[in-house]
Amino acid sequence: MTVERERLLAPLQAVIGVVERRQTMPVLANVLLAVSDGRLSITATDLEVELVATTDVTIQQAGDITVPAGSFSISCVRYPRSPLSR
């Protein structure tokens, strides 16, 4: 997947507010990154509210993964202003 940093930050910041740091279920501190058909969907939930935001990306292979929301957000903000690729 390749995406401009700003195109990733906007949807990430739109959903990260629902993520709570101290959860009884650790997976709820994560966001779901789902890539398919040239779209990245970022999903966050606290089991009462679910937020989903999308952006266009260039993909090599479709897939899903959860990542710690706080760490991922900080990493994206600190990443240089160039396309993110993974």
Protein backbone atom coordinates (compact mmCIF):
# COMPACT_ATOMS: atom_id res chain seq x y z
CA MET A 1 0.00 0.00 0.00
CA THR A 2 1.21 3.49 -0.80
CA VAL A 3 -0.54 6.63 0.43
CA GLU A 4 0.35 10.27 0.99
CA ARG A 5 0.80 10.98 4.69
CA GLU A 6 -1.88 13.69 4.72
CA ARG A 7 -4.39 11.35 3.02
CA LEU A 8 -3.79 8.84 5.83
CA LEU A 9 -3.86 11.31 8.72
CA ALA A 10 -7.27 12.82 7.92
CA PRO A 11 -9.30 9.59 8.21
CA LEU A 12 -7.16 8.36 11.10
CA GLN A 13 -7.81 11.52 13.10
CA ALA A 14 -11.52 11.29 12.24
CA VAL A 15 -11.89 7.90 13.96
CA ILE A 16 -9.25 7.93 16.69
CA GLY A 17 -11.47 9.88 19.09
CA VAL A 18 -13.58 6.80 19.78
CA VAL A 19 -10.54 4.77 20.87
CA GLU A 20 -9.95 4.71 24.61
CA ARG A 21 -6.49 4.01 25.96
CA ARG A 22 -7.59 1.97 28.96
CA GLN A 23 -9.81 -0.81 27.76
CA THR A 24 -10.77 -4.05 29.42
CA MET A 25 -10.44 -5.55 25.95
CA PRO A 26 -7.00 -4.59 24.55
CA VAL A 27 -8.12 -4.91 20.91
CA LEU A 28 -10.39 -1.88 21.43
CA ALA A 29 -7.26 0.28 21.72
CA ASN A 30 -6.51 -0.64 18.09
CA VAL A 31 -7.79 0.59 14.75
CA LEU A 32 -8.60 -1.77 11.89
CA LEU A 33 -6.87 -1.01 8.60
CA ALA A 34 -8.63 -2.75 5.72
CA VAL A 35 -7.30 -2.35 2.17
CA SER A 36 -9.14 -3.50 -0.95
CA ASP A 37 -10.13 -2.16 -4.37
CA GLY A 38 -7.88 0.89 -4.05
CA ARG A 39 -9.47 2.01 -0.78
CA LEU A 40 -8.20 2.05 2.79
CA SER A 41 -10.87 1.86 5.47
CA ILE A 42 -9.88 2.79 9.02
CA THR A 43 -12.29 1.56 11.69
CA ALA A 44 -12.34 2.28 15.43
CA THR A 45 -14.91 1.23 18.02
CA ASP A 46 -15.61 1.26 21.73
CA LEU A 47 -18.41 -1.35 21.26
CA GLU A 48 -21.04 1.38 21.57
CA VAL A 49 -19.88 3.62 18.73
CA GLU A 50 -18.10 2.57 15.55
CA LEU A 51 -16.47 5.08 13.23
CA VAL A 52 -15.21 4.27 9.73
CA ALA A 53 -13.28 6.62 7.46
CA THR A 54 -11.86 5.86 4.02
CA THR A 55 -9.26 7.19 1.63
CA ASP A 56 -7.87 6.22 -1.75
CA VAL A 57 -4.57 4.31 -1.80
CA THR A 58 -2.39 2.47 -4.26
CA ILE A 59 -2.35 -1.20 -3.29
CA GLN A 60 -0.21 -4.15 -4.17
CA GLN A 61 -2.25 -6.66 -2.15
CA ALA A 62 -5.55 -6.47 -0.28
CA GLY A 63 -5.61 -7.26 3.43
CA ASP A 64 -6.65 -6.33 6.95
CA ILE A 65 -4.68 -5.68 10.14
CA THR A 66 -5.25 -4.05 13.50
CA VAL A 67 -2.63 -1.71 14.93
CA PRO A 68 -2.41 0.20 18.22
CA ALA A 69 -4.21 3.47 17.53
CA GLY A 70 -2.01 5.74 19.62
CA SER A 71 1.33 4.40 18.39
CA PHE A 72 0.17 4.35 14.78
CA SER A 73 -1.11 7.92 14.95
CA ILE A 74 2.12 9.20 16.50
CA SER A 75 4.19 7.36 13.88
CA CYS A 76 2.16 8.84 11.03
CA VAL A 77 2.47 12.37 12.40
CA ARG A 78 6.24 12.03 12.82
CA TYR A 79 6.77 10.45 9.40
CA PRO A 80 8.32 12.85 6.84
CA ARG A 81 5.97 14.50 4.35
CA SER A 82 6.34 11.84 1.71
CA PRO A 83 4.28 8.85 0.63
CA LEU A 84 3.97 6.08 3.20
CA SER A 85 4.56 2.67 1.75
CA ARG A 86 4.19 -0.77 3.24
